[in-house]
N, C-alpha and C. Protein backbone atom coordinates (compact mmCIF):
# COMPACT_ATOMS: atom_id res chain seq x y z
N MET A 1 -2.95 -34.95 -0.28
CA MET A 1 -2.69 -34.02 -1.36
C MET A 1 -3.70 -32.88 -1.36
N GLU A 2 -4.97 -33.23 -1.11
CA GLU A 2 -6.00 -32.22 -1.11
C GLU A 2 -5.88 -31.28 0.09
N ALA A 3 -5.43 -31.81 1.22
CA ALA A 3 -5.26 -30.98 2.40
C ALA A 3 -4.19 -29.92 2.18
N LYS A 4 -3.14 -30.26 1.44
CA LYS A 4 -2.09 -29.30 1.16
C LYS A 4 -2.61 -28.18 0.26
N ALA A 5 -3.45 -28.51 -0.71
CA ALA A 5 -4.03 -27.50 -1.59
C ALA A 5 -4.96 -26.58 -0.81
N ASN A 6 -5.76 -27.13 0.10
CA ASN A 6 -6.64 -26.31 0.92
C ASN A 6 -5.85 -25.38 1.83
N LYS A 7 -4.74 -25.87 2.36
CA LYS A 7 -3.90 -25.03 3.22
C LYS A 7 -3.30 -23.89 2.41
N SER A 8 -2.94 -24.15 1.17
CA SER A 8 -2.39 -23.12 0.31
C SER A 8 -3.40 -22.01 0.06
N TYR A 9 -4.66 -22.38 -0.15
CA TYR A 9 -5.69 -21.38 -0.37
C TYR A 9 -6.02 -20.61 0.90
N LEU A 10 -5.93 -21.26 2.04
CA LEU A 10 -6.15 -20.56 3.31
C LEU A 10 -5.04 -19.55 3.58
N VAL A 11 -3.81 -19.91 3.25
CA VAL A 11 -2.70 -18.98 3.41
C VAL A 11 -2.88 -17.80 2.46
N LEU A 12 -3.31 -18.07 1.23
CA LEU A 12 -3.56 -16.99 0.28
C LEU A 12 -4.68 -16.07 0.78
N ALA A 13 -5.73 -16.64 1.34
CA ALA A 13 -6.83 -15.83 1.88
C ALA A 13 -6.34 -14.97 3.05
N ARG A 14 -5.50 -15.53 3.91
CA ARG A 14 -4.93 -14.74 5.01
C ARG A 14 -4.07 -13.61 4.48
N ASN A 15 -3.29 -13.90 3.44
CA ASN A 15 -2.43 -12.87 2.88
C ASN A 15 -3.21 -11.80 2.14
N ILE A 16 -4.37 -12.15 1.59
CA ILE A 16 -5.23 -11.14 0.97
C ILE A 16 -5.75 -10.19 2.04
N LEU A 17 -6.10 -10.72 3.19
CA LEU A 17 -6.52 -9.85 4.31
C LEU A 17 -5.39 -8.95 4.76
N ILE A 18 -4.18 -9.47 4.77
CA ILE A 18 -3.01 -8.65 5.11
C ILE A 18 -2.81 -7.56 4.06
N ALA A 19 -3.05 -7.89 2.79
CA ALA A 19 -2.93 -6.89 1.72
C ALA A 19 -3.96 -5.77 1.91
N PHE A 20 -5.17 -6.11 2.34
CA PHE A 20 -6.17 -5.09 2.62
C PHE A 20 -5.73 -4.22 3.80
N GLY A 21 -5.14 -4.84 4.80
CA GLY A 21 -4.64 -4.07 5.95
C GLY A 21 -3.52 -3.12 5.58
N THR A 22 -2.58 -3.61 4.77
CA THR A 22 -1.48 -2.72 4.34
C THR A 22 -2.00 -1.63 3.42
N ALA A 23 -3.02 -1.93 2.63
CA ALA A 23 -3.63 -0.89 1.79
C ALA A 23 -4.27 0.19 2.66
N ALA A 24 -4.89 -0.20 3.74
CA ALA A 24 -5.47 0.78 4.66
C ALA A 24 -4.39 1.65 5.27
N LEU A 25 -3.25 1.06 5.61
CA LEU A 25 -2.14 1.84 6.15
C LEU A 25 -1.59 2.81 5.11
N ILE A 26 -1.49 2.36 3.87
CA ILE A 26 -1.04 3.24 2.79
C ILE A 26 -2.01 4.39 2.58
N ILE A 27 -3.29 4.09 2.60
CA ILE A 27 -4.31 5.13 2.43
C ILE A 27 -4.20 6.16 3.54
N TYR A 28 -4.02 5.69 4.75
CA TYR A 28 -3.90 6.62 5.88
C TYR A 28 -2.70 7.54 5.70
N THR A 29 -1.57 6.98 5.33
CA THR A 29 -0.38 7.84 5.17
C THR A 29 -0.51 8.74 3.94
N ASN A 30 -1.15 8.27 2.87
CA ASN A 30 -1.32 9.11 1.69
C ASN A 30 -2.18 10.33 1.98
N PHE A 31 -3.18 10.17 2.81
CA PHE A 31 -4.13 11.25 3.05
C PHE A 31 -3.78 12.11 4.27
N HIS A 32 -2.86 11.65 5.12
CA HIS A 32 -2.60 12.40 6.35
C HIS A 32 -1.18 12.91 6.51
N THR A 33 -0.34 12.79 5.50
CA THR A 33 1.01 13.33 5.59
C THR A 33 1.17 14.50 4.64
N ASP A 34 2.13 15.36 4.97
CA ASP A 34 2.40 16.50 4.09
C ASP A 34 3.73 16.35 3.36
N THR A 35 4.41 15.22 3.56
CA THR A 35 5.62 14.92 2.79
C THR A 35 5.46 13.54 2.15
N GLY A 36 6.14 13.34 1.07
CA GLY A 36 6.03 12.08 0.37
C GLY A 36 6.90 10.98 0.92
N TYR A 37 7.84 11.32 1.80
CA TYR A 37 8.77 10.32 2.31
C TYR A 37 8.08 9.24 3.14
N TRP A 38 7.19 9.66 4.01
CA TRP A 38 6.48 8.68 4.84
C TRP A 38 5.60 7.80 3.98
N ALA A 39 4.89 8.41 3.06
CA ALA A 39 3.98 7.64 2.21
C ALA A 39 4.75 6.64 1.34
N MET A 40 5.84 7.05 0.74
CA MET A 40 6.61 6.15 -0.11
C MET A 40 7.28 5.05 0.71
N SER A 41 7.71 5.37 1.92
CA SER A 41 8.31 4.35 2.79
C SER A 41 7.29 3.30 3.18
N VAL A 42 6.09 3.72 3.50
CA VAL A 42 5.04 2.77 3.87
C VAL A 42 4.65 1.91 2.68
N ILE A 43 4.57 2.51 1.50
CA ILE A 43 4.24 1.73 0.30
C ILE A 43 5.32 0.68 0.05
N ALA A 44 6.58 1.08 0.13
CA ALA A 44 7.67 0.15 -0.15
C ALA A 44 7.74 -0.97 0.88
N LEU A 45 7.64 -0.64 2.16
CA LEU A 45 7.74 -1.66 3.20
C LEU A 45 6.56 -2.63 3.19
N SER A 46 5.36 -2.12 2.96
CA SER A 46 4.20 -3.02 2.94
C SER A 46 4.23 -3.91 1.70
N SER A 47 4.70 -3.39 0.59
CA SER A 47 4.82 -4.21 -0.62
C SER A 47 5.90 -5.27 -0.46
N PHE A 48 6.97 -4.90 0.21
CA PHE A 48 8.02 -5.87 0.49
C PHE A 48 7.48 -6.99 1.38
N LEU A 49 6.66 -6.63 2.36
CA LEU A 49 6.06 -7.61 3.26
C LEU A 49 5.15 -8.58 2.51
N ILE A 50 4.27 -8.07 1.67
CA ILE A 50 3.34 -8.97 1.00
C ILE A 50 4.04 -9.83 -0.04
N GLY A 51 5.11 -9.34 -0.64
CA GLY A 51 5.87 -10.17 -1.56
C GLY A 51 6.62 -11.27 -0.84
N PHE A 52 7.08 -10.97 0.36
CA PHE A 52 7.79 -11.96 1.15
C PHE A 52 6.84 -13.02 1.70
N LEU A 53 5.63 -12.62 2.04
CA LEU A 53 4.64 -13.57 2.55
C LEU A 53 4.17 -14.54 1.46
N GLU A 54 4.06 -14.05 0.24
CA GLU A 54 3.55 -14.86 -0.86
C GLU A 54 4.54 -14.78 -2.02
N PRO A 55 5.61 -15.59 -1.99
CA PRO A 55 6.67 -15.45 -3.00
C PRO A 55 6.23 -15.75 -4.43
N ARG A 56 5.30 -16.66 -4.62
CA ARG A 56 4.92 -17.03 -5.98
C ARG A 56 3.74 -16.21 -6.52
N ARG A 57 2.85 -15.78 -5.63
CA ARG A 57 1.68 -15.02 -6.06
C ARG A 57 1.63 -13.64 -5.43
N GLY A 58 2.79 -13.06 -5.21
CA GLY A 58 2.85 -11.74 -4.60
C GLY A 58 2.29 -10.64 -5.49
N TRP A 59 2.34 -10.85 -6.79
CA TRP A 59 1.82 -9.85 -7.71
C TRP A 59 0.31 -9.72 -7.57
N ILE A 60 -0.36 -10.80 -7.21
CA ILE A 60 -1.81 -10.72 -6.98
C ILE A 60 -2.10 -9.82 -5.78
N LEU A 61 -1.33 -10.02 -4.72
CA LEU A 61 -1.52 -9.20 -3.53
C LEU A 61 -1.16 -7.74 -3.80
N ALA A 62 -0.12 -7.51 -4.61
CA ALA A 62 0.26 -6.14 -4.96
C ALA A 62 -0.83 -5.46 -5.78
N LEU A 63 -1.45 -6.18 -6.69
CA LEU A 63 -2.54 -5.60 -7.46
C LEU A 63 -3.77 -5.31 -6.59
N ILE A 64 -4.04 -6.20 -5.65
CA ILE A 64 -5.15 -5.95 -4.71
C ILE A 64 -4.87 -4.71 -3.89
N GLN A 65 -3.66 -4.62 -3.37
CA GLN A 65 -3.28 -3.48 -2.54
C GLN A 65 -3.36 -2.18 -3.34
N ALA A 66 -2.81 -2.17 -4.54
CA ALA A 66 -2.81 -0.96 -5.35
C ALA A 66 -4.21 -0.58 -5.81
N SER A 67 -5.03 -1.55 -6.13
CA SER A 67 -6.39 -1.24 -6.58
C SER A 67 -7.23 -0.66 -5.45
N VAL A 68 -7.04 -1.15 -4.24
CA VAL A 68 -7.77 -0.59 -3.10
C VAL A 68 -7.35 0.86 -2.87
N VAL A 69 -6.06 1.14 -3.00
CA VAL A 69 -5.57 2.51 -2.81
C VAL A 69 -6.13 3.44 -3.87
N ILE A 70 -6.11 3.00 -5.14
CA ILE A 70 -6.62 3.84 -6.23
C ILE A 70 -8.13 4.06 -6.12
N ILE A 71 -8.86 3.01 -5.79
CA ILE A 71 -10.32 3.15 -5.64
C ILE A 71 -10.64 4.12 -4.51
N PHE A 72 -9.93 4.02 -3.40
CA PHE A 72 -10.17 4.93 -2.28
C PHE A 72 -9.84 6.36 -2.68
N TYR A 73 -8.78 6.54 -3.47
CA TYR A 73 -8.41 7.90 -3.89
C TYR A 73 -9.53 8.51 -4.74
N TYR A 74 -10.08 7.75 -5.66
CA TYR A 74 -11.12 8.31 -6.53
C TYR A 74 -12.45 8.48 -5.82
N LEU A 75 -12.72 7.69 -4.80
CA LEU A 75 -13.94 7.89 -4.02
C LEU A 75 -13.81 9.07 -3.07
N LYS A 76 -12.63 9.30 -2.53
CA LYS A 76 -12.31 10.40 -1.62
C LYS A 76 -13.35 10.63 -0.53
N PRO A 77 -13.53 9.66 0.35
CA PRO A 77 -14.48 9.89 1.44
C PRO A 77 -13.94 10.87 2.49
N ILE A 78 -12.64 11.08 2.50
CA ILE A 78 -12.05 12.07 3.40
C ILE A 78 -11.19 13.02 2.57
N LYS A 79 -10.99 14.22 3.10
CA LYS A 79 -10.20 15.22 2.39
C LYS A 79 -8.74 15.06 2.77
N PRO A 80 -7.84 14.93 1.77
CA PRO A 80 -6.42 14.77 2.08
C PRO A 80 -5.80 16.09 2.55
N VAL A 81 -4.70 15.97 3.28
CA VAL A 81 -3.97 17.15 3.74
C VAL A 81 -3.40 17.90 2.54
N ASP A 82 -2.79 17.18 1.61
CA ASP A 82 -2.23 17.76 0.40
C ASP A 82 -2.78 16.98 -0.79
N GLU A 83 -3.63 17.62 -1.58
CA GLU A 83 -4.31 16.94 -2.68
C GLU A 83 -3.33 16.41 -3.73
N ASP A 84 -2.35 17.20 -4.09
CA ASP A 84 -1.39 16.77 -5.12
C ASP A 84 -0.54 15.60 -4.64
N LEU A 85 -0.12 15.65 -3.40
CA LEU A 85 0.68 14.56 -2.85
C LEU A 85 -0.14 13.28 -2.75
N ALA A 86 -1.38 13.39 -2.36
CA ALA A 86 -2.25 12.21 -2.27
C ALA A 86 -2.46 11.59 -3.66
N MET A 87 -2.62 12.44 -4.67
CA MET A 87 -2.78 11.93 -6.02
C MET A 87 -1.51 11.22 -6.48
N PHE A 88 -0.36 11.85 -6.25
CA PHE A 88 0.90 11.27 -6.69
C PHE A 88 1.18 9.95 -6.00
N THR A 89 1.07 9.90 -4.69
CA THR A 89 1.40 8.68 -3.96
C THR A 89 0.39 7.57 -4.22
N SER A 90 -0.86 7.93 -4.45
CA SER A 90 -1.85 6.90 -4.76
C SER A 90 -1.58 6.26 -6.12
N HIS A 91 -1.20 7.05 -7.08
CA HIS A 91 -0.93 6.51 -8.41
C HIS A 91 0.41 5.81 -8.49
N ILE A 92 1.40 6.29 -7.78
CA ILE A 92 2.72 5.66 -7.82
C ILE A 92 2.72 4.36 -7.03
N ALA A 93 1.72 4.16 -6.18
CA ALA A 93 1.63 2.93 -5.40
C ALA A 93 1.48 1.70 -6.28
N ILE A 94 0.93 1.86 -7.48
CA ILE A 94 0.76 0.72 -8.38
C ILE A 94 2.11 0.15 -8.78
N GLY A 95 2.96 1.00 -9.31
CA GLY A 95 4.27 0.54 -9.76
C GLY A 95 5.17 0.09 -8.64
N VAL A 96 5.19 0.86 -7.57
CA VAL A 96 6.06 0.53 -6.44
C VAL A 96 5.62 -0.79 -5.80
N SER A 97 4.33 -1.00 -5.69
CA SER A 97 3.84 -2.25 -5.10
C SER A 97 4.24 -3.45 -5.93
N LEU A 98 4.08 -3.34 -7.24
CA LEU A 98 4.45 -4.46 -8.10
C LEU A 98 5.95 -4.75 -8.07
N VAL A 99 6.76 -3.70 -8.14
CA VAL A 99 8.21 -3.90 -8.16
C VAL A 99 8.71 -4.47 -6.84
N PHE A 100 8.30 -3.89 -5.73
CA PHE A 100 8.80 -4.37 -4.44
C PHE A 100 8.28 -5.75 -4.10
N SER A 101 7.05 -6.07 -4.46
CA SER A 101 6.56 -7.43 -4.18
C SER A 101 7.27 -8.45 -5.06
N PHE A 102 7.61 -8.08 -6.29
CA PHE A 102 8.36 -8.99 -7.15
C PHE A 102 9.76 -9.22 -6.60
N VAL A 103 10.44 -8.16 -6.20
CA VAL A 103 11.80 -8.29 -5.67
C VAL A 103 11.82 -9.11 -4.39
N SER A 104 10.93 -8.82 -3.47
CA SER A 104 10.93 -9.56 -2.21
C SER A 104 10.46 -11.00 -2.40
N GLY A 105 9.56 -11.23 -3.35
CA GLY A 105 9.16 -12.60 -3.66
C GLY A 105 10.31 -13.40 -4.23
N ARG A 106 11.09 -12.75 -5.07
CA ARG A 106 12.28 -13.43 -5.63
C ARG A 106 13.30 -13.71 -4.53
N LEU A 107 13.49 -12.78 -3.62
CA LEU A 107 14.41 -13.01 -2.50
C LEU A 107 13.91 -14.14 -1.60
N ALA A 108 12.61 -14.19 -1.37
CA ALA A 108 12.05 -15.25 -0.53
C ALA A 108 12.23 -16.61 -1.18
N ARG A 109 12.04 -16.68 -2.51
CA ARG A 109 12.26 -17.94 -3.21
C ARG A 109 13.74 -18.34 -3.20
N LEU A 110 14.62 -17.35 -3.24
CA LEU A 110 16.04 -17.63 -3.19
C LEU A 110 16.43 -18.20 -1.84
N PHE A 111 15.89 -17.65 -0.76
CA PHE A 111 16.19 -18.15 0.57
C PHE A 111 15.49 -19.48 0.85
N GLU A 112 14.37 -19.73 0.16
CA GLU A 112 13.61 -20.96 0.33
C GLU A 112 14.38 -22.18 -0.18
N THR A 113 15.14 -22.01 -1.22
CA THR A 113 15.83 -23.13 -1.84
C THR A 113 17.09 -23.52 -1.08
N ARG A 114 17.58 -22.69 -0.23
CA ARG A 114 18.82 -23.00 0.50
C ARG A 114 18.57 -23.82 1.72
């Protein structure tokens, strides 16, 4: 019983690292694109991925991902190509991450029961 609980926490730790990686990808697209389509697509796909990886606790990963993006935006160690677009996509990443991780987590749980 204890081994199963430890495995669950190891999977969560792995998925947290994946959330940091997807946040880095989102940050890169937010700061280096001049259109919002690429940035929004990357946000949606990475959020869908983390929700699918962690169906029950995907919201935790989405909050980690969104908080990393927002913190990086306010620190601004690099200058974005388009300041307004970077601000918009960084702030919209919070809602989009939560919604897409919830939807994909629900889909994963639906497929899990079959």
